[in-house]
Amino acid sequence: MLLSRPGCHLCEQMAMELLTAYPQLAGQVAEADVDSREDWQRRYGLKIPVLLDTGDGGVVCATVFDSAAVADWVRDRNL
C-alpha cells in the first residue's frame, strides 16, 4: 500500500520509481490517500509517501524510494 496525497510530487516520484524498478508489482500495490483515515494521517501525515507492507503493517520505506529496503521486501515476500 502506497500512502500518498493527491498532487504530491514526491508520492508520484516514489510510485514511478517503484513500478520502474519492479514492474511485476503493477496492480499489486494499491495507493491510498493518507488523509482518508485519521490513524494514517496522524501516524504518517508528515512522512508521505509511505510504502506499507499490508501483511505485517510495517513501513517498507518512507519519504523517498529506498531501493535496498524495497529489494529486501520484494525478496522476502517473493514478489
PDB file of N, CA and C in Angstrom:
ATOM      1  N   MET A   1       0.853  -1.167   0.000  1.00  0.00           N
ATOM      2  CA  MET A   1       0.000   0.000   0.000  1.00  0.00           C
ATOM      3  C   MET A   1       0.898   1.228   0.000  1.00  0.00           C
ATOM      4  N   LEU A   2       0.671   2.099  -0.950  1.00  0.00           N
ATOM      5  CA  LEU A   2       1.421   3.350  -1.027  1.00  0.00           C
ATOM      6  C   LEU A   2       0.521   4.468  -0.523  1.00  0.00           C
ATOM      7  N   LEU A   3       0.863   5.021   0.638  1.00  0.00           N
ATOM      8  CA  LEU A   3       0.112   6.133   1.186  1.00  0.00           C
ATOM      9  C   LEU A   3       0.656   7.421   0.586  1.00  0.00           C
ATOM     10  N   SER A   4      -0.254   8.252   0.092  1.00  0.00           N
ATOM     11  CA  SER A   4       0.146   9.468  -0.599  1.00  0.00           C
ATOM     12  C   SER A   4      -0.929  10.532  -0.420  1.00  0.00           C
ATOM     13  N   ARG A   5      -0.734  11.644  -1.120  1.00  0.00           N
ATOM     14  CA  ARG A   5      -1.740  12.707  -1.191  1.00  0.00           C
ATOM     15  C   ARG A   5      -1.881  13.105  -2.644  1.00  0.00           C
ATOM     16  N   PRO A   6      -3.060  13.487  -3.053  1.00  0.00           N
ATOM     17  CA  PRO A   6      -3.242  13.970  -4.419  1.00  0.00           C
ATOM     18  C   PRO A   6      -2.331  15.174  -4.682  1.00  0.00           C
ATOM     19  N   GLY A   7      -1.670  15.161  -5.831  1.00  0.00           N
ATOM     20  CA  GLY A   7      -0.812  16.267  -6.221  1.00  0.00           C
ATOM     21  C   GLY A   7       0.561  16.283  -5.575  1.00  0.00           C
ATOM     22  N   CYS A   8       0.898  15.279  -4.806  1.00  0.00           N
ATOM     23  CA  CYS A   8       2.193  15.214  -4.126  1.00  0.00           C
ATOM     24  C   CYS A   8       3.250  14.705  -5.110  1.00  0.00           C
ATOM     25  N   HIS A   9       4.191  15.568  -5.476  1.00  0.00           N
ATOM     26  CA  HIS A   9       5.206  15.159  -6.454  1.00  0.00           C
ATOM     27  C   HIS A   9       6.136  14.088  -5.903  1.00  0.00           C
ATOM     28  N   LEU A  10       6.405  14.104  -4.601  1.00  0.00           N
ATOM     29  CA  LEU A  10       7.244  13.050  -4.010  1.00  0.00           C
ATOM     30  C   LEU A  10       6.534  11.694  -4.079  1.00  0.00           C
ATOM     31  N   CYS A  11       5.223  11.719  -3.885  1.00  0.00           N
ATOM     32  CA  CYS A  11       4.433  10.485  -3.948  1.00  0.00           C
ATOM     33  C   CYS A  11       4.430   9.937  -5.373  1.00  0.00           C
ATOM     34  N   GLU A  12       4.241  10.819  -6.335  1.00  0.00           N
ATOM     35  CA  GLU A  12       4.260  10.403  -7.739  1.00  0.00           C
ATOM     36  C   GLU A  12       5.627   9.846  -8.116  1.00  0.00           C
ATOM     37  N   GLN A  13       6.678  10.471  -7.611  1.00  0.00           N
ATOM     38  CA  GLN A  13       8.032  10.013  -7.902  1.00  0.00           C
ATOM     39  C   GLN A  13       8.276   8.632  -7.306  1.00  0.00           C
ATOM     40  N   MET A  14       7.835   8.402  -6.057  1.00  0.00           N
ATOM     41  CA  MET A  14       8.042   7.087  -5.446  1.00  0.00           C
ATOM     42  C   MET A  14       7.272   6.017  -6.218  1.00  0.00           C
ATOM     43  N   ALA A  15       6.046   6.305  -6.607  1.00  0.00           N
ATOM     44  CA  ALA A  15       5.253   5.342  -7.370  1.00  0.00           C
ATOM     45  C   ALA A  15       5.954   4.999  -8.685  1.00  0.00           C
ATOM     46  N   MET A  16       6.476   6.015  -9.368  1.00  0.00           N
ATOM     47  CA  MET A  16       7.174   5.798 -10.632  1.00  0.00           C
ATOM     48  C   MET A  16       8.438   4.961 -10.427  1.00  0.00           C
ATOM     49  N   GLU A  17       9.232   5.301  -9.408  1.00  0.00           N
ATOM     50  CA  GLU A  17      10.463   4.554  -9.151  1.00  0.00           C
ATOM     51  C   GLU A  17      10.161   3.111  -8.762  1.00  0.00           C
ATOM     52  N   LEU A  18       9.131   2.918  -7.956  1.00  0.00           N
ATOM     53  CA  LEU A  18       8.750   1.572  -7.523  1.00  0.00           C
ATOM     54  C   LEU A  18       8.351   0.714  -8.715  1.00  0.00           C
ATOM     55  N   LEU A  19       7.484   1.246  -9.570  1.00  0.00           N
ATOM     56  CA  LEU A  19       6.993   0.453 -10.697  1.00  0.00           C
ATOM     57  C   LEU A  19       8.014   0.339 -11.824  1.00  0.00           C
ATOM     58  N   THR A  20       8.952   1.275 -11.901  1.00  0.00           N
ATOM     59  CA  THR A  20      10.034   1.155 -12.871  1.00  0.00           C
ATOM     60  C   THR A  20      10.987   0.048 -12.441  1.00  0.00           C
ATOM     61  N   ALA A  21      11.324   0.019 -11.166  1.00  0.00           N
ATOM     62  CA  ALA A  21      12.251  -0.993 -10.645  1.00  0.00           C
ATOM     63  C   ALA A  21      11.597  -2.371 -10.546  1.00  0.00           C
ATOM     64  N   TYR A  22      10.289  -2.395 -10.265  1.00  0.00           N
ATOM     65  CA  TYR A  22       9.572  -3.658 -10.039  1.00  0.00           C
ATOM     66  C   TYR A  22       8.254  -3.652 -10.803  1.00  0.00           C
ATOM     67  N   PRO A  23       8.300  -3.759 -12.113  1.00  0.00           N
ATOM     68  CA  PRO A  23       7.063  -3.713 -12.904  1.00  0.00           C
ATOM     69  C   PRO A  23       6.078  -4.829 -12.541  1.00  0.00           C
ATOM     70  N   GLN A  24       6.579  -5.900 -11.970  1.00  0.00           N
ATOM     71  CA  GLN A  24       5.696  -7.002 -11.571  1.00  0.00           C
ATOM     72  C   GLN A  24       4.743  -6.598 -10.448  1.00  0.00           C
ATOM     73  N   LEU A  25       4.997  -5.464  -9.812  1.00  0.00           N
ATOM     74  CA  LEU A  25       4.120  -5.002  -8.733  1.00  0.00           C
ATOM     75  C   LEU A  25       2.938  -4.185  -9.233  1.00  0.00           C
ATOM     76  N   ALA A  26       2.925  -3.862 -10.520  1.00  0.00           N
ATOM     77  CA  ALA A  26       1.794  -3.118 -11.082  1.00  0.00           C
ATOM     78  C   ALA A  26       0.514  -3.906 -10.821  1.00  0.00           C
ATOM     79  N   GLY A  27      -0.460  -3.265 -10.281  1.00  0.00           N
ATOM     80  CA  GLY A  27      -1.716  -3.924  -9.956  1.00  0.00           C
ATOM     81  C   GLY A  27      -1.720  -4.590  -8.592  1.00  0.00           C
ATOM     82  N   GLN A  28      -0.543  -4.718  -7.977  1.00  0.00           N
ATOM     83  CA  GLN A  28      -0.460  -5.325  -6.643  1.00  0.00           C
ATOM     84  C   GLN A  28      -0.314  -4.289  -5.537  1.00  0.00           C
ATOM     85  N   VAL A  29       0.238  -3.143  -5.878  1.00  0.00           N
ATOM     86  CA  VAL A  29       0.432  -2.084  -4.891  1.00  0.00           C
ATOM     87  C   VAL A  29      -0.685  -1.057  -5.062  1.00  0.00           C
ATOM     88  N   ALA A  30      -1.546  -1.001  -4.078  1.00  0.00           N
ATOM     89  CA  ALA A  30      -2.651  -0.045  -4.104  1.00  0.00           C
ATOM     90  C   ALA A  30      -2.171   1.286  -3.536  1.00  0.00           C
ATOM     91  N   GLU A  31      -2.758   2.367  -4.022  1.00  0.00           N
ATOM     92  CA  GLU A  31      -2.479   3.695  -3.469  1.00  0.00           C
ATOM     93  C   GLU A  31      -3.678   4.144  -2.661  1.00  0.00           C
ATOM     94  N   ALA A  32      -3.401   4.829  -1.563  1.00  0.00           N
ATOM     95  CA  ALA A  32      -4.469   5.361  -0.725  1.00  0.00           C
ATOM     96  C   ALA A  32      -4.070   6.741  -0.226  1.00  0.00           C
ATOM     97  N   ASP A  33      -5.055   7.602  -0.094  1.00  0.00           N
ATOM     98  CA  ASP A  33      -4.839   8.940   0.434  1.00  0.00           C
ATOM     99  C   ASP A  33      -4.594   8.837   1.935  1.00  0.00           C
ATOM    100  N   VAL A  34      -3.456   9.319   2.369  1.00  0.00           N
ATOM    101  CA  VAL A  34      -3.097   9.243   3.784  1.00  0.00           C
ATOM    102  C   VAL A  34      -4.125   9.951   4.666  1.00  0.00           C
ATOM    103  N   ASP A  35      -4.825  10.930   4.102  1.00  0.00           N
ATOM    104  CA  ASP A  35      -5.818  11.675   4.870  1.00  0.00           C
ATOM    105  C   ASP A  35      -7.191  11.002   4.915  1.00  0.00           C
ATOM    106  N   SER A  36      -7.323   9.854   4.261  1.00  0.00           N
ATOM    107  CA  SER A  36      -8.616   9.166   4.238  1.00  0.00           C
ATOM    108  C   SER A  36      -8.911   8.440   5.548  1.00  0.00           C
ATOM    109  N   ARG A  37      -7.877   8.238   6.339  1.00  0.00           N
ATOM    110  CA  ARG A  37      -8.069   7.605   7.652  1.00  0.00           C
ATOM    111  C   ARG A  37      -7.322   8.419   8.695  1.00  0.00           C
ATOM    112  N   GLU A  38      -7.987   8.690   9.779  1.00  0.00           N
ATOM    113  CA  GLU A  38      -7.390   9.518  10.829  1.00  0.00           C
ATOM    114  C   GLU A  38      -6.106   8.902  11.381  1.00  0.00           C
ATOM    115  N   ASP A  39      -6.092   7.586  11.567  1.00  0.00           N
ATOM    116  CA  ASP A  39      -4.891   6.951  12.116  1.00  0.00           C
ATOM    117  C   ASP A  39      -3.707   7.069  11.158  1.00  0.00           C
ATOM    118  N   TRP A  40      -3.949   6.934   9.859  1.00  0.00           N
ATOM    119  CA  TRP A  40      -2.870   7.112   8.885  1.00  0.00           C
ATOM    120  C   TRP A  40      -2.386   8.554   8.893  1.00  0.00           C
ATOM    121  N   GLN A  41      -3.325   9.496   8.904  1.00  0.00           N
ATOM    122  CA  GLN A  41      -2.949  10.905   8.855  1.00  0.00           C
ATOM    123  C   GLN A  41      -2.109  11.264  10.072  1.00  0.00           C
ATOM    124  N   ARG A  42      -2.523  10.794  11.228  1.00  0.00           N
ATOM    125  CA  ARG A  42      -1.798  11.085  12.463  1.00  0.00           C
ATOM    126  C   ARG A  42      -0.405  10.448  12.457  1.00  0.00           C
ATOM    127  N   ARG A  43      -0.336   9.207  12.003  1.00  0.00           N
ATOM    128  CA  ARG A  43       0.932   8.466  12.065  1.00  0.00           C
ATOM    129  C   ARG A  43       1.884   8.809  10.926  1.00  0.00           C
ATOM    130  N   TYR A  44       1.360   8.981   9.721  1.00  0.00           N
ATOM    131  CA  TYR A  44       2.213   9.126   8.542  1.00  0.00           C
ATOM    132  C   TYR A  44       2.054  10.449   7.804  1.00  0.00           C
ATOM    133  N   GLY A  45       1.173  11.317   8.258  1.00  0.00           N
ATOM    134  CA  GLY A  45       0.840  12.524   7.528  1.00  0.00           C
ATOM    135  C   GLY A  45       2.013  13.409   7.151  1.00  0.00           C
ATOM    136  N   LEU A  46       3.041  13.445   7.955  1.00  0.00           N
ATOM    137  CA  LEU A  46       4.208  14.269   7.670  1.00  0.00           C
ATOM    138  C   LEU A  46       5.341  13.475   7.021  1.00  0.00           C
ATOM    139  N   LYS A  47       5.126  12.184   6.775  1.00  0.00           N
ATOM    140  CA  LYS A  47       6.180  11.315   6.247  1.00  0.00           C
ATOM    141  C   LYS A  47       5.903  10.799   4.843  1.00  0.00           C
ATOM    142  N   ILE A  48       4.849  11.262   4.209  1.00  0.00           N
ATOM    143  CA  ILE A  48       4.476  10.695   2.916  1.00  0.00           C
ATOM    144  C   ILE A  48       5.511  11.033   1.856  1.00  0.00           C
ATOM    145  N   PRO A  49       5.631  10.191   0.870  1.00  0.00           N
ATOM    146  CA  PRO A  49       4.920   8.932   0.674  1.00  0.00           C
ATOM    147  C   PRO A  49       5.431   7.848   1.618  1.00  0.00           C
ATOM    148  N   VAL A  50       4.574   6.892   1.887  1.00  0.00           N
ATOM    149  CA  VAL A  50       4.923   5.764   2.745  1.00  0.00           C
ATOM    150  C   VAL A  50       4.487   4.483   2.040  1.00  0.00           C
ATOM    151  N   LEU A  51       5.428   3.564   1.873  1.00  0.00           N
ATOM    152  CA  LEU A  51       5.107   2.248   1.332  1.00  0.00           C
ATOM    153  C   LEU A  51       4.957   1.298   2.505  1.00  0.00           C
ATOM    154  N   LEU A  52       3.733   0.792   2.681  1.00  0.00           N
ATOM    155  CA  LEU A  52       3.419  -0.111   3.786  1.00  0.00           C
ATOM    156  C   LEU A  52       3.301  -1.541   3.290  1.00  0.00           C
ATOM    157  N   ASP A  53       3.748  -2.467   4.109  1.00  0.00           N
ATOM    158  CA  ASP A  53       3.504  -3.889   3.870  1.00  0.00           C
ATOM    159  C   ASP A  53       2.178  -4.208   4.540  1.00  0.00           C
ATOM    160  N   THR A  54       1.160  -4.475   3.755  1.00  0.00           N
ATOM    161  CA  THR A  54      -0.160  -4.735   4.339  1.00  0.00           C
ATOM    162  C   THR A  54      -0.215  -6.068   5.067  1.00  0.00           C
ATOM    163  N   GLY A  55       0.758  -6.935   4.822  1.00  0.00           N
ATOM    164  CA  GLY A  55       0.797  -8.209   5.529  1.00  0.00           C
ATOM    165  C   GLY A  55       1.105  -8.045   7.002  1.00  0.00           C
ATOM    166  N   ASP A  56       2.144  -7.254   7.305  1.00  0.00           N
ATOM    167  CA  ASP A  56       2.518  -7.085   8.705  1.00  0.00           C
ATOM    168  C   ASP A  56       2.351  -5.648   9.200  1.00  0.00           C
ATOM    169  N   GLY A  57       1.936  -4.753   8.303  1.00  0.00           N
ATOM    170  CA  GLY A  57       1.714  -3.365   8.687  1.00  0.00           C
ATOM    171  C   GLY A  57       2.973  -2.535   8.824  1.00  0.00           C
ATOM    172  N   GLY A  58       4.118  -3.128   8.510  1.00  0.00           N
ATOM    173  CA  GLY A  58       5.378  -2.417   8.647  1.00  0.00           C
ATOM    174  C   GLY A  58       5.636  -1.444   7.511  1.00  0.00           C
ATOM    175  N   VAL A  59       6.454  -0.457   7.789  1.00  0.00           N
ATOM    176  CA  VAL A  59       6.867   0.518   6.785  1.00  0.00           C
ATOM    177  C   VAL A  59       8.043  -0.058   6.007  1.00  0.00           C
ATOM    178  N   VAL A  60       7.887  -0.152   4.692  1.00  0.00           N
ATOM    179  CA  VAL A  60       8.975  -0.610   3.821  1.00  0.00           C
ATOM    180  C   VAL A  60       9.930   0.554   3.594  1.00  0.00           C
ATOM    181  N   CYS A  61       9.389   1.696   3.229  1.00  0.00           N
ATOM    182  CA  CYS A  61      10.183   2.915   3.113  1.00  0.00           C
ATOM    183  C   CYS A  61       9.249   4.109   3.193  1.00  0.00           C
ATOM    184  N   ALA A  62       9.829   5.260   3.530  1.00  0.00           N
ATOM    185  CA  ALA A  62       9.033   6.475   3.677  1.00  0.00           C
ATOM    186  C   ALA A  62       9.821   7.671   3.159  1.00  0.00           C
ATOM    187  N   THR A  63       9.096   8.641   2.654  1.00  0.00           N
ATOM    188  CA  THR A  63       9.590   9.931   2.168  1.00  0.00           C
ATOM    189  C   THR A  63      10.305   9.820   0.827  1.00  0.00           C
ATOM    190  N   VAL A  64      11.257   8.911   0.705  1.00  0.00           N
ATOM    191  CA  VAL A  64      11.966   8.693  -0.556  1.00  0.00           C
ATOM    192  C   VAL A  64      12.040   7.194  -0.834  1.00  0.00           C
ATOM    193  N   PHE A  65      12.189   6.847  -2.096  1.00  0.00           N
ATOM    194  CA  PHE A  65      12.312   5.451  -2.510  1.00  0.00           C
ATOM    195  C   PHE A  65      13.647   4.913  -2.003  1.00  0.00           C
ATOM    196  N   ASP A  66      13.596   3.876  -1.191  1.00  0.00           N
ATOM    197  CA  ASP A  66      14.796   3.227  -0.647  1.00  0.00           C
ATOM    198  C   ASP A  66      14.962   1.905  -1.389  1.00  0.00           C
ATOM    199  N   SER A  67      15.824   1.908  -2.403  1.00  0.00           N
ATOM    200  CA  SER A  67      15.944   0.738  -3.275  1.00  0.00           C
ATOM    201  C   SER A  67      16.387  -0.509  -2.523  1.00  0.00           C
ATOM    202  N   ALA A  68      17.264  -0.370  -1.544  1.00  0.00           N
ATOM    203  CA  ALA A  68      17.726  -1.540  -0.783  1.00  0.00           C
ATOM    204  C   ALA A  68      16.590  -2.111   0.068  1.00  0.00           C
ATOM    205  N   ALA A  69      15.837  -1.244   0.731  1.00  0.00           N
ATOM    206  CA  ALA A  69      14.729  -1.710   1.572  1.00  0.00           C
ATOM    207  C   ALA A  69      13.647  -2.372   0.731  1.00  0.00           C
ATOM    208  N   VAL A  70      13.348  -1.786  -0.417  1.00  0.00           N
ATOM    209  CA  VAL A  70      12.328  -2.363  -1.293  1.00  0.00           C
ATOM    210  C   VAL A  70      12.816  -3.688  -1.867  1.00  0.00           C
ATOM    211  N   ALA A  71      14.082  -3.772  -2.238  1.00  0.00           N
ATOM    212  CA  ALA A  71      14.632  -5.031  -2.756  1.00  0.00           C
ATOM    213  C   ALA A  71      14.526  -6.132  -1.706  1.00  0.00           C
ATOM    214  N   ASP A  72      14.842  -5.805  -0.460  1.00  0.00           N
ATOM    215  CA  ASP A  72      14.714  -6.792   0.624  1.00  0.00           C
ATOM    216  C   ASP A  72      13.267  -7.212   0.805  1.00  0.00           C
ATOM    217  N   TRP A  73      12.346  -6.258   0.752  1.00  0.00           N
ATOM    218  CA  TRP A  73      10.920  -6.548   0.914  1.00  0.00           C
ATOM    219  C   TRP A  73      10.409  -7.439  -0.210  1.00  0.00           C
ATOM    220  N   VAL A  74      10.776  -7.109  -1.452  1.00  0.00           N
ATOM    221  CA  VAL A  74      10.348  -7.902  -2.607  1.00  0.00           C
ATOM    222  C   VAL A  74      10.896  -9.324  -2.486  1.00  0.00           C
ATOM    223  N   ARG A  75      12.145  -9.451  -2.111  1.00  0.00           N
ATOM    224  CA  ARG A  75      12.769 -10.769  -1.960  1.00  0.00           C
ATOM    225  C   ARG A  75      12.105 -11.561  -0.842  1.00  0.00           C
ATOM    226  N   ASP A  76      11.917 -10.928   0.324  1.00  0.00           N
ATOM    227  CA  ASP A  76      11.326 -11.621   1.485  1.00  0.00           C
ATOM    228  C   ASP A  76       9.890 -12.051   1.240  1.00  0.00           C
ATOM    229  N   ARG A  77       9.152 -11.284   0.442  1.00  0.00           N
ATOM    230  CA  ARG A  77       7.745 -11.587   0.175  1.00  0.00           C
ATOM    231  C   ARG A  77       7.556 -12.384  -1.114  1.00  0.00           C
ATOM    232  N   ASN A  78       8.659 -12.698  -1.785  1.00  0.00           N
ATOM    233  CA  ASN A  78       8.609 -13.423  -3.070  1.00  0.00           C
ATOM    234  C   ASN A  78       7.686 -12.729  -4.072  1.00  0.00           C
ATOM    235  N   LEU A  79       7.846 -11.429  -4.148  1.00  0.00           N
ATOM    236  CA  LEU A  79       7.031 -10.654  -5.068  1.00  0.00           C
ATOM    237  C   LEU A  79       7.777 -10.554  -6.381  1.00  0.00           C
TER     238      LEU A  79
END
